[in-house]
């Protein structure tokens, strides 16, 4: 779901995908009431999408995204 949304430029709004404040290339998403994840992504040569999952957990992950 995330991969396809990033490829099309339309991430499912239920994920609440947005940039982490103060971090230009780190993004966050919500996957449950207290489920959060931070990630970085980029397009590789040839169009393949690389997703680097940084933190997965609750709100406490934002101390060091």
C-alpha atoms as a PDB file:
ATOM      1  CA  UNK A   1       0.000   0.000   0.000  1.00  0.00           C
ATOM      2  CA  UNK A   2       2.755   2.502   0.925  1.00  0.00           C
ATOM      3  CA  UNK A   3       5.011   1.484  -1.952  1.00  0.00           C
ATOM      4  CA  UNK A   4       2.257   1.888  -4.537  1.00  0.00           C
ATOM      5  CA  UNK A   5       1.147   5.198  -3.004  1.00  0.00           C
ATOM      6  CA  UNK A   6       4.685   6.607  -3.126  1.00  0.00           C
ATOM      7  CA  UNK A   7       5.100   5.497  -6.740  1.00  0.00           C
ATOM      8  CA  UNK A   8       1.893   7.287  -7.741  1.00  0.00           C
ATOM      9  CA  UNK A   9       2.398  10.236  -5.391  1.00  0.00           C
ATOM     10  CA  UNK A  10      -0.833   9.409  -3.553  1.00  0.00           C
ATOM     11  CA  UNK A  11      -0.394   7.742  -0.151  1.00  0.00           C
ATOM     12  CA  UNK A  12      -3.574   6.438   1.495  1.00  0.00           C
ATOM     13  CA  UNK A  13      -4.767   9.244   3.833  1.00  0.00           C
ATOM     14  CA  UNK A  14      -5.490   6.692   6.592  1.00  0.00           C
ATOM     15  CA  UNK A  15      -1.713   6.350   7.045  1.00  0.00           C
ATOM     16  CA  UNK A  16      -1.369  10.068   7.917  1.00  0.00           C
ATOM     17  CA  UNK A  17       1.922  10.192   6.021  1.00  0.00           C
ATOM     18  CA  UNK A  18       3.835  13.439   6.599  1.00  0.00           C
ATOM     19  CA  UNK A  19       7.311  14.902   7.016  1.00  0.00           C
ATOM     20  CA  UNK A  20       8.837  14.831  10.530  1.00  0.00           C
ATOM     21  CA  UNK A  21       9.309  18.397  11.792  1.00  0.00           C
ATOM     22  CA  UNK A  22      12.920  19.506  11.605  1.00  0.00           C
ATOM     23  CA  UNK A  23      14.003  16.573   9.413  1.00  0.00           C
ATOM     24  CA  UNK A  24      13.836  17.292   5.690  1.00  0.00           C
ATOM     25  CA  UNK A  25      14.156  13.701   4.482  1.00  0.00           C
ATOM     26  CA  UNK A  26      12.468  11.767   7.335  1.00  0.00           C
ATOM     27  CA  UNK A  27       8.761  10.935   7.113  1.00  0.00           C
ATOM     28  CA  UNK A  28       6.280   9.515   9.598  1.00  0.00           C
ATOM     29  CA  UNK A  29       3.131   7.468   9.284  1.00  0.00           C
ATOM     30  CA  UNK A  30       0.488   6.051  11.607  1.00  0.00           C
ATOM     31  CA  UNK A  31      -0.702   2.478  11.332  1.00  0.00           C
ATOM     32  CA  UNK A  32      -2.742   2.099  14.528  1.00  0.00           C
ATOM     33  CA  UNK A  33      -4.013   4.228  17.394  1.00  0.00           C
ATOM     34  CA  UNK A  34      -0.504   4.309  18.899  1.00  0.00           C
ATOM     35  CA  UNK A  35       1.414   2.694  16.028  1.00  0.00           C
ATOM     36  CA  UNK A  36       3.965   4.987  14.425  1.00  0.00           C
ATOM     37  CA  UNK A  37       6.874   4.546  12.056  1.00  0.00           C
ATOM     38  CA  UNK A  38       9.523   6.858  10.662  1.00  0.00           C
ATOM     39  CA  UNK A  39      11.190   6.259   7.339  1.00  0.00           C
ATOM     40  CA  UNK A  40      13.288   7.713   4.571  1.00  0.00           C
ATOM     41  CA  UNK A  41      12.737   6.912   0.918  1.00  0.00           C
ATOM     42  CA  UNK A  42      14.335   7.621  -2.431  1.00  0.00           C
ATOM     43  CA  UNK A  43      14.081   6.569  -6.051  1.00  0.00           C
ATOM     44  CA  UNK A  44      16.999   4.550  -7.318  1.00  0.00           C
ATOM     45  CA  UNK A  45      18.275   4.749 -10.896  1.00  0.00           C
ATOM     46  CA  UNK A  46      15.803   2.798 -12.976  1.00  0.00           C
ATOM     47  CA  UNK A  47      12.830   3.942 -10.888  1.00  0.00           C
ATOM     48  CA  UNK A  48      12.985   1.363  -8.085  1.00  0.00           C
ATOM     49  CA  UNK A  49      11.826   2.684  -4.720  1.00  0.00           C
ATOM     50  CA  UNK A  50      14.119   2.248  -1.698  1.00  0.00           C
ATOM     51  CA  UNK A  51      12.438   2.573   1.717  1.00  0.00           C
ATOM     52  CA  UNK A  52      14.628   2.793   4.833  1.00  0.00           C
ATOM     53  CA  UNK A  53      12.530   2.032   7.922  1.00  0.00           C
ATOM     54  CA  UNK A  54      14.075   3.996  10.798  1.00  0.00           C
ATOM     55  CA  UNK A  55      11.869   3.536  13.870  1.00  0.00           C
ATOM     56  CA  UNK A  56       8.684   1.536  14.504  1.00  0.00           C
ATOM     57  CA  UNK A  57       6.704   1.711  17.750  1.00  0.00           C
ATOM     58  CA  UNK A  58       4.579   4.197  19.686  1.00  0.00           C
ATOM     59  CA  UNK A  59       4.847   7.961  20.103  1.00  0.00           C
ATOM     60  CA  UNK A  60       8.165   7.514  21.938  1.00  0.00           C
ATOM     61  CA  UNK A  61       9.958   6.924  18.620  1.00  0.00           C
ATOM     62  CA  UNK A  62       9.873  10.661  17.926  1.00  0.00           C
ATOM     63  CA  UNK A  63      12.580  11.336  20.526  1.00  0.00           C
ATOM     64  CA  UNK A  64      15.093  10.254  17.826  1.00  0.00           C
ATOM     65  CA  UNK A  65      13.286   9.868  14.495  1.00  0.00           C
END
